[in-house]
C-alpha atoms as a PDB file:
ATOM      1  CA  MET A   1       3.027  -2.991  20.303  1.00  0.00           C
ATOM      2  CA  SER A   2       0.228  -5.129  18.837  1.00  0.00           C
ATOM      3  CA  LEU A   3      -2.242  -3.993  16.167  1.00  0.00           C
ATOM      4  CA  PHE A   4      -5.022  -3.683  18.742  1.00  0.00           C
ATOM      5  CA  GLU A   5      -2.777  -1.617  21.029  1.00  0.00           C
ATOM      6  CA  ASN A   6      -2.014   0.704  18.111  1.00  0.00           C
ATOM      7  CA  LEU A   7      -5.722   1.036  17.411  1.00  0.00           C
ATOM      8  CA  GLU A   8      -6.362   1.947  21.035  1.00  0.00           C
ATOM      9  CA  ARG A   9      -3.616   4.553  20.841  1.00  0.00           C
ATOM     10  CA  HIS A  10      -4.455   6.261  17.554  1.00  0.00           C
ATOM     11  CA  ILE A  11      -8.190   5.878  16.858  1.00  0.00           C
ATOM     12  CA  LYS A  12     -10.168   8.869  18.099  1.00  0.00           C
ATOM     13  CA  GLU A  13     -13.865   8.826  19.001  1.00  0.00           C
ATOM     14  CA  PRO A  14     -15.694  10.668  16.167  1.00  0.00           C
ATOM     15  CA  ARG A  15     -19.110  10.790  17.904  1.00  0.00           C
ATOM     16  CA  ASP A  16     -20.603  12.972  20.587  1.00  0.00           C
ATOM     17  CA  LEU A  17     -19.619  11.384  23.890  1.00  0.00           C
ATOM     18  CA  ARG A  18     -23.168  11.585  25.228  1.00  0.00           C
ATOM     19  CA  GLY A  19     -25.075   8.319  24.905  1.00  0.00           C
ATOM     20  CA  ILE A  20     -22.249   6.213  23.460  1.00  0.00           C
ATOM     21  CA  ARG A  21     -22.733   2.525  24.216  1.00  0.00           C
ATOM     22  CA  HIS A  22     -19.923   0.939  22.226  1.00  0.00           C
ATOM     23  CA  PRO A  23     -16.353   2.355  22.198  1.00  0.00           C
ATOM     24  CA  VAL A  24     -14.989   3.202  18.753  1.00  0.00           C
ATOM     25  CA  SER A  25     -11.826   1.127  19.288  1.00  0.00           C
ATOM     26  CA  ALA A  26     -13.917  -1.956  20.117  1.00  0.00           C
ATOM     27  CA  ILE A  27     -16.007  -1.505  16.977  1.00  0.00           C
ATOM     28  CA  VAL A  28     -12.905  -1.145  14.764  1.00  0.00           C
ATOM     29  CA  LYS A  29     -11.317  -4.240  16.315  1.00  0.00           C
ATOM     30  CA  ALA A  30     -14.546  -6.175  15.744  1.00  0.00           C
ATOM     31  CA  VAL A  31     -14.487  -5.149  12.079  1.00  0.00           C
ATOM     32  CA  PHE A  32     -10.882  -6.381  11.734  1.00  0.00           C
ATOM     33  CA  ILE A  33     -11.779  -9.731  13.303  1.00  0.00           C
ATOM     34  CA  ALA A  34     -14.781 -10.176  11.027  1.00  0.00           C
ATOM     35  CA  LEU A  35     -12.835  -9.210   7.895  1.00  0.00           C
ATOM     36  CA  LEU A  36     -10.173 -11.778   8.751  1.00  0.00           C
ATOM     37  CA  ALA A  37     -12.975 -14.340   9.028  1.00  0.00           C
ATOM     38  CA  GLY A  38     -14.030 -13.561   5.452  1.00  0.00           C
ATOM     39  CA  LYS A  39     -16.984 -11.265   6.109  1.00  0.00           C
ATOM     40  CA  VAL A  40     -17.305  -8.659   3.378  1.00  0.00           C
ATOM     41  CA  ASN A  41     -20.143  -6.286   4.295  1.00  0.00           C
ATOM     42  CA  ILE A  42     -21.674  -4.568   7.325  1.00  0.00           C
ATOM     43  CA  GLU A  43     -24.487  -7.076   7.714  1.00  0.00           C
ATOM     44  CA  GLN A  44     -22.094 -10.016   7.733  1.00  0.00           C
ATOM     45  CA  ILE A  45     -19.751  -8.263  10.165  1.00  0.00           C
ATOM     46  CA  ALA A  46     -22.560  -7.438  12.612  1.00  0.00           C
ATOM     47  CA  GLY A  47     -23.971 -10.964  12.381  1.00  0.00           C
ATOM     48  CA  TYR A  48     -20.581 -12.611  12.913  1.00  0.00           C
ATOM     49  CA  ILE A  49     -19.821 -10.574  16.045  1.00  0.00           C
ATOM     50  CA  ALA A  50     -23.342 -11.148  17.394  1.00  0.00           C
ATOM     51  CA  VAL A  51     -22.955 -14.941  17.114  1.00  0.00           C
ATOM     52  CA  ALA A  52     -19.536 -14.850  18.834  1.00  0.00           C
ATOM     53  CA  TRP A  53     -20.520 -12.146  21.304  1.00  0.00           C
ATOM     54  CA  ASP A  54     -20.117 -14.190  24.495  1.00  0.00           C
ATOM     55  CA  GLU A  55     -16.568 -15.182  23.500  1.00  0.00           C
ATOM     56  CA  VAL A  56     -15.256 -11.934  21.981  1.00  0.00           C
ATOM     57  CA  GLY A  57     -17.335  -9.046  23.322  1.00  0.00           C
ATOM     58  CA  GLU A  58     -15.400  -8.312  26.510  1.00  0.00           C
ATOM     59  CA  THR A  59     -12.043  -9.235  24.953  1.00  0.00           C
ATOM     60  CA  LEU A  60     -12.500  -6.673  22.190  1.00  0.00           C
ATOM     61  CA  GLY A  61     -13.283  -3.941  24.721  1.00  0.00           C
ATOM     62  CA  PHE A  62     -17.073  -3.731  24.544  1.00  0.00           C
ATOM     63  CA  THR A  63     -18.741  -2.631  27.783  1.00  0.00           C
ATOM     64  CA  HIS A  64     -22.437  -2.902  26.918  1.00  0.00           C
ATOM     65  CA  TRP A  65     -24.469  -6.068  27.374  1.00  0.00           C
ATOM     66  CA  HIS A  66     -25.531  -6.484  23.725  1.00  0.00           C
ATOM     67  CA  PRO A  67     -23.545  -6.279  20.460  1.00  0.00           C
ATOM     68  CA  PRO A  68     -23.692  -3.288  18.076  1.00  0.00           C
ATOM     69  CA  ASP A  69     -26.304  -3.329  15.318  1.00  0.00           C
ATOM     70  CA  THR A  70     -25.587  -2.705  11.638  1.00  0.00           C
ATOM     71  CA  ASP A  71     -26.453   1.001  11.871  1.00  0.00           C
ATOM     72  CA  THR A  72     -23.864   1.491  14.621  1.00  0.00           C
ATOM     73  CA  TYR A  73     -21.122  -0.115  12.535  1.00  0.00           C
ATOM     74  CA  ARG A  74     -22.128   1.882   9.464  1.00  0.00           C
ATOM     75  CA  ARG A  75     -22.282   5.202  11.325  1.00  0.00           C
ATOM     76  CA  VAL A  76     -18.949   4.746  13.111  1.00  0.00           C
ATOM     77  CA  LEU A  77     -17.093   3.608   9.995  1.00  0.00           C
ATOM     78  CA  SER A  78     -18.444   6.543   7.985  1.00  0.00           C
ATOM     79  CA  LEU A  79     -17.115   8.984  10.626  1.00  0.00           C
ATOM     80  CA  LEU A  80     -13.669   7.435  11.137  1.00  0.00           C
ATOM     81  CA  ASP A  81     -10.597   9.484  10.335  1.00  0.00           C
ATOM     82  CA  ALA A  82      -8.813   7.464   7.668  1.00  0.00           C
ATOM     83  CA  ASP A  83      -5.476   9.088   8.509  1.00  0.00           C
ATOM     84  CA  CYS A  84      -5.715   7.898  12.132  1.00  0.00           C
ATOM     85  CA  LEU A  85      -6.558   4.396  10.981  1.00  0.00           C
ATOM     86  CA  ASN A  86      -3.660   4.415   8.549  1.00  0.00           C
ATOM     87  CA  LEU A  87      -1.349   5.710  11.286  1.00  0.00           C
ATOM     88  CA  ALA A  88      -2.344   2.878  13.621  1.00  0.00           C
ATOM     89  CA  PHE A  89      -1.847   0.231  10.948  1.00  0.00           C
ATOM     90  CA  GLN A  90       1.513   1.596   9.803  1.00  0.00           C
ATOM     91  CA  GLY A  91       2.692   1.936  13.395  1.00  0.00           C
ATOM     92  CA  TRP A  92       2.064  -1.763  13.924  1.00  0.00           C
ATOM     93  CA  LEU A  93       3.680  -2.807  10.631  1.00  0.00           C
ATOM     94  CA  SER A  94       6.744  -0.608  11.091  1.00  0.00           C
ATOM     95  CA  GLU A  95       7.474  -2.366  14.385  1.00  0.00           C
ATOM     96  CA  LEU A  96       6.811  -5.753  12.809  1.00  0.00           C
ATOM     97  CA  LEU A  97       9.279  -5.031   9.988  1.00  0.00           C
ATOM     98  CA  ALA A  98      11.920  -3.302  12.121  1.00  0.00           C
ATOM     99  CA  GLY A  99      15.426  -4.535  11.319  1.00  0.00           C
ATOM    100  CA  LYS A 100      14.344  -6.334   8.126  1.00  0.00           C
ATOM    101  CA  THR A 101      15.073  -5.502   4.496  1.00  0.00           C
ATOM    102  CA  PHE A 102      12.402  -6.064   1.868  1.00  0.00           C
ATOM    103  CA  ASP A 103      11.206  -5.008  -1.584  1.00  0.00           C
ATOM    104  CA  VAL A 104       7.930  -3.248  -2.413  1.00  0.00           C
ATOM    105  CA  SER A 105       5.741  -2.661  -5.456  1.00  0.00           C
ATOM    106  CA  VAL A 106       3.889   0.614  -5.995  1.00  0.00           C
ATOM    107  CA  ASP A 107       0.664   0.609  -8.012  1.00  0.00           C
ATOM    108  CA  GLY A 108      -2.693   2.352  -8.207  1.00  0.00           C
ATOM    109  CA  LYS A 109      -5.845   0.236  -7.962  1.00  0.00           C
ATOM    110  CA  ALA A 110      -9.595   0.762  -7.943  1.00  0.00           C
ATOM    111  CA  CYS A 111     -11.240  -0.312  -4.688  1.00  0.00           C
ATOM    112  CA  ARG A 112     -13.692  -3.103  -5.342  1.00  0.00           C
ATOM    113  CA  GLY A 113     -17.303  -2.189  -4.661  1.00  0.00           C
ATOM    114  CA  LEU A 114     -16.582   1.498  -4.010  1.00  0.00           C
ATOM    115  CA  GLN A 115     -17.340   4.562  -6.100  1.00  0.00           C
ATOM    116  CA  GLN A 116     -17.025   8.324  -5.761  1.00  0.00           C
ATOM    117  CA  GLY A 117     -20.335  10.173  -6.067  1.00  0.00           C
ATOM    118  CA  ASP A 118     -23.349   8.841  -7.944  1.00  0.00           C
ATOM    119  CA  ASN A 119     -21.524   7.775 -11.092  1.00  0.00           C
ATOM    120  CA  PRO A 120     -20.679   4.030 -10.912  1.00  0.00           C
ATOM    121  CA  CYS A 121     -17.885   4.585 -13.449  1.00  0.00           C
ATOM    122  CA  ASN A 122     -16.121   6.980 -11.080  1.00  0.00           C
ATOM    123  CA  ARG A 123     -14.193   4.405  -9.102  1.00  0.00           C
ATOM    124  CA  PHE A 124     -12.508   5.041  -5.738  1.00  0.00           C
ATOM    125  CA  MET A 125      -8.787   4.880  -6.510  1.00  0.00           C
ATOM    126  CA  MET A 126      -5.949   4.174  -4.076  1.00  0.00           C
ATOM    127  CA  LEU A 127      -2.180   4.055  -4.461  1.00  0.00           C
ATOM    128  CA  ASN A 128      -0.863   0.937  -2.710  1.00  0.00           C
ATOM    129  CA  VAL A 129       2.618  -0.023  -1.533  1.00  0.00           C
ATOM    130  CA  LEU A 130       2.818  -3.825  -1.345  1.00  0.00           C
ATOM    131  CA  ALA A 131       5.568  -5.595   0.602  1.00  0.00           C
ATOM    132  CA  HIS A 132       6.294  -8.882  -1.168  1.00  0.00           C
ATOM    133  CA  ASP A 133       7.715 -10.755   1.813  1.00  0.00           C
ATOM    134  CA  ILE A 134       4.593 -10.389   3.966  1.00  0.00           C
ATOM    135  CA  GLN A 135       2.065 -10.054   1.111  1.00  0.00           C
ATOM    136  CA  ALA A 136       0.483  -6.967   2.653  1.00  0.00           C
ATOM    137  CA  ALA A 137       0.007  -3.323   1.723  1.00  0.00           C
ATOM    138  CA  ILE A 138       2.179  -1.321   4.097  1.00  0.00           C
ATOM    139  CA  ALA A 139       0.789   2.042   2.934  1.00  0.00           C
ATOM    140  CA  GLN A 140      -2.213   3.387   1.014  1.00  0.00           C
ATOM    141  CA  TRP A 141      -3.075   6.876  -0.213  1.00  0.00           C
ATOM    142  CA  ARG A 142      -6.142   8.137  -1.990  1.00  0.00           C
ATOM    143  CA  LEU A 143      -5.669   9.221  -5.607  1.00  0.00           C
ATOM    144  CA  GLU A 144      -7.456  12.506  -6.087  1.00  0.00           C
ATOM    145  CA  GLU A 145      -8.788  13.623  -9.469  1.00  0.00           C
ATOM    146  CA  LYS A 146      -6.045  16.135 -10.241  1.00  0.00           C
ATOM    147  CA  LYS A 147      -3.142  14.136  -8.807  1.00  0.00           C
ATOM    148  CA  GLY A 148      -1.590  11.201 -10.619  1.00  0.00           C
ATOM    149  CA  GLU A 149       0.140   8.194  -9.095  1.00  0.00           C
ATOM    150  CA  PRO A 150       3.710   9.597  -9.395  1.00  0.00           C
ATOM    151  CA  THR A 151       2.702  12.884  -7.735  1.00  0.00           C
ATOM    152  CA  VAL A 152       1.044  11.193  -4.769  1.00  0.00           C
ATOM    153  CA  PHE A 153       3.937   8.756  -4.402  1.00  0.00           C
ATOM    154  CA  ALA A 154       6.513  11.557  -4.498  1.00  0.00           C
ATOM    155  CA  GLU A 155       4.605  13.482  -1.808  1.00  0.00           C
ATOM    156  CA  HIS A 156       4.750  10.507   0.579  1.00  0.00           C
ATOM    157  CA  LEU A 157       8.088   8.971  -0.433  1.00  0.00           C
ATOM    158  CA  GLU A 158      10.267  10.475   2.292  1.00  0.00           C
ATOM    159  CA  GLU A 159       7.687   9.713   4.989  1.00  0.00           C
ATOM    160  CA  LEU A 160       7.375   6.129   3.738  1.00  0.00           C
ATOM    161  CA  VAL A 161      11.135   5.517   3.910  1.00  0.00           C
ATOM    162  CA  ARG A 162      11.282   7.061   7.367  1.00  0.00           C
ATOM    163  CA  LYS A 163       8.595   4.676   8.641  1.00  0.00           C
ATOM    164  CA  TYR A 164      10.040   1.673   6.801  1.00  0.00           C
ATOM    165  CA  PRO A 165      13.834   2.149   6.590  1.00  0.00           C
ATOM    166  CA  GLY A 166      14.209  -1.501   5.593  1.00  0.00           C
ATOM    167  CA  ILE A 167      12.789  -0.894   2.118  1.00  0.00           C
ATOM    168  CA  ARG A 168      15.505  -1.897  -0.321  1.00  0.00           C
ATOM    169  CA  LEU A 169      13.891  -1.737  -3.749  1.00  0.00           C
ATOM    170  CA  PHE A 170      10.878   0.047  -5.289  1.00  0.00           C
ATOM    171  CA  ILE A 171       9.199  -1.657  -8.254  1.00  0.00           C
ATOM    172  CA  GLY A 172       6.823   0.297 -10.480  1.00  0.00           C
ATOM    173  CA  ASP A 173       5.349   0.481 -13.961  1.00  0.00           C
ATOM    174  CA  ALA A 174       5.994   3.174 -16.562  1.00  0.00           C
ATOM    175  CA  TYR A 175       4.076   5.769 -14.534  1.00  0.00           C
ATOM    176  CA  PHE A 176       6.997   5.922 -12.102  1.00  0.00           C
ATOM    177  CA  SER A 177       9.812   6.321 -14.622  1.00  0.00           C
ATOM    178  CA  GLY A 178      10.036  10.111 -14.317  1.00  0.00           C
ATOM    179  CA  ARG A 179      13.567  11.423 -13.786  1.00  0.00           C
ATOM    180  CA  ASN A 180      12.703  13.569 -10.750  1.00  0.00           C
ATOM    181  CA  LEU A 181      11.009  10.684  -8.948  1.00  0.00           C
ATOM    182  CA  CYS A 182      13.848   8.265  -9.696  1.00  0.00           C
ATOM    183  CA  GLU A 183      16.384  10.814  -8.468  1.00  0.00           C
ATOM    184  CA  ALA A 184      14.370  11.288  -5.267  1.00  0.00           C
ATOM    185  CA  ILE A 185      14.494   7.530  -4.652  1.00  0.00           C
ATOM    186  CA  ARG A 186      18.260   7.480  -5.232  1.00  0.00           C
ATOM    187  CA  ASN A 187      18.745  10.449  -2.907  1.00  0.00           C
ATOM    188  CA  LEU A 188      17.132   8.356  -0.166  1.00  0.00           C
ATOM    189  CA  LYS A 189      19.744   5.633  -0.826  1.00  0.00           C
ATOM    190  CA  LYS A 190      17.183   3.196  -2.244  1.00  0.00           C
ATOM    191  CA  HIS A 191      17.025   1.240  -5.506  1.00  0.00           C
ATOM    192  CA  TYR A 192      14.262   1.117  -8.095  1.00  0.00           C
ATOM    193  CA  VAL A 193      13.103  -0.959 -11.050  1.00  0.00           C
ATOM    194  CA  VAL A 194      10.642   0.697 -13.430  1.00  0.00           C
ATOM    195  CA  ARG A 195       9.196  -0.265 -16.764  1.00  0.00           C
ATOM    196  CA  ILE A 196      10.031   1.698 -19.909  1.00  0.00           C
ATOM    197  CA  LYS A 197       7.466   1.658 -22.735  1.00  0.00           C
ATOM    198  CA  GLY A 198       7.986   2.109 -26.451  1.00  0.00           C
ATOM    199  CA  ASN A 199       6.216   5.477 -26.348  1.00  0.00           C
ATOM    200  CA  GLN A 200       9.102   6.916 -24.297  1.00  0.00           C
ATOM    201  CA  PRO A 201      11.708   7.223 -27.099  1.00  0.00           C
ATOM    202  CA  GLU A 202      13.994   9.689 -25.311  1.00  0.00           C
ATOM    203  CA  VAL A 203      14.253   7.491 -22.226  1.00  0.00           C
ATOM    204  CA  GLU A 204      14.817   4.392 -24.336  1.00  0.00           C
ATOM    205  CA  ALA A 205      17.533   6.129 -26.346  1.00  0.00           C
ATOM    206  CA  ALA A 206      19.306   7.241 -23.143  1.00  0.00           C
ATOM    207  CA  MET A 207      19.126   3.690 -21.787  1.00  0.00           C
ATOM    208  CA  ARG A 208      20.641   2.272 -24.984  1.00  0.00           C
ATOM    209  CA  VAL A 209      23.589   4.660 -24.715  1.00  0.00           C
ATOM    210  CA  TRP A 210      24.073   3.861 -21.020  1.00  0.00           C
ATOM    211  CA  PHE A 211      23.939   0.069 -21.456  1.00  0.00           C
ATOM    212  CA  GLU A 212      25.967  -0.047 -24.664  1.00  0.00           C
ATOM    213  CA  ASP A 213      28.704   2.000 -23.021  1.00  0.00           C
ATOM    214  CA  ARG A 214      28.931  -0.446 -20.116  1.00  0.00           C
ATOM    215  CA  MET A 215      28.613  -3.520 -22.307  1.00  0.00           C
ATOM    216  CA  LYS A 216      31.899  -2.637 -23.968  1.00  0.00           C
ATOM    217  CA  GLY A 217      33.816  -3.442 -20.810  1.00  0.00           C
ATOM    218  CA  SER A 218      31.583  -6.121 -19.291  1.00  0.00           C
ATOM    219  CA  ARG A 219      30.647  -8.421 -22.210  1.00  0.00           C
ATOM    220  CA  ARG A 220      32.577 -11.688 -22.339  1.00  0.00           C
ATOM    221  CA  PRO A 221      34.444 -12.272 -25.638  1.00  0.00           C
ATOM    222  CA  GLU A 222      32.686 -15.579 -26.294  1.00  0.00           C
ATOM    223  CA  ALA A 223      29.312 -13.977 -25.667  1.00  0.00           C
ATOM    224  CA  ALA A 224      30.141 -11.128 -28.029  1.00  0.00           C
ATOM    225  CA  ALA A 225      31.160 -13.617 -30.714  1.00  0.00           C
ATOM    226  CA  ARG A 226      27.916 -15.578 -30.457  1.00  0.00           C
ATOM    227  CA  PRO A 227      25.158 -13.034 -29.745  1.00  0.00           C
ATOM    228  CA  GLU A 228      21.765 -14.580 -29.244  1.00  0.00           C
ATOM    229  CA  LYS A 229      19.394 -14.015 -32.105  1.00  0.00           C
ATOM    230  CA  LYS A 230      15.844 -12.727 -31.679  1.00  0.00           C
ATOM    231  CA  ARG A 231      16.976 -10.302 -28.963  1.00  0.00           C
ATOM    232  CA  SER A 232      17.295  -6.576 -29.356  1.00  0.00           C
ATOM    233  CA  ASP A 233      20.467  -4.783 -28.304  1.00  0.00           C
ATOM    234  CA  LEU A 234      18.674  -3.420 -25.267  1.00  0.00           C
ATOM    235  CA  GLN A 235      17.463  -6.875 -24.211  1.00  0.00           C
ATOM    236  CA  GLN A 236      20.992  -8.164 -24.701  1.00  0.00           C
ATOM    237  CA  ALA A 237      22.274  -5.416 -22.439  1.00  0.00           C
ATOM    238  CA  PHE A 238      20.043  -6.584 -19.627  1.00  0.00           C
ATOM    239  CA  VAL A 239      21.307 -10.141 -20.058  1.00  0.00           C
ATOM    240  CA  PHE A 240      24.929  -9.156 -19.523  1.00  0.00           C
ATOM    241  CA  MET A 241      24.393  -6.728 -16.629  1.00  0.00           C
END
């Protein structure tokens, strides 16, 4: 099923049905087309579709004789259910990636040009799951004030793996090094690579014990006789694993 077919299936009309001139699915598809063409705001999107109206209007599903104005785009986008939009996008990507194995990175980012409330310093934060092979975010979740990145990720982890069973490896920074989260990933039969910082002494100490124990049986004699200088024991452990 194509992206547009998924949009038709999942996007629900948020407006009162009386007096609607432009279907919500057609407006959303027009926005996608304009974004792919490099348009970055409502005015540019409306102008781009208006210029190409004769070629794309009917194809995108519009039924009225003239294109939507900027207020129509702005009103519809402000009323859209983000979960439905996310469901449509993930439905398309899950079919596209079916039968493939791939690695993903998990990271929280501030959305450019967006803020929460009137304070410009209060940025709109999202947790993104980026698939390296296709260079696209396969999932996004809003980071609420009282929920950190690991909490939000843990809440959606099982659902994410169910939608994308081909995920092989999760890559994350030190935020995602918590034992419970790592165990949850292992319980789903997936691998992970996370960063350990110097301010996590207990984790670092446990890693040293784990690696040193395995180095005893895996290090080659010649390597043990000529250890590289300027490398810590922990760095050396990674070299031989």
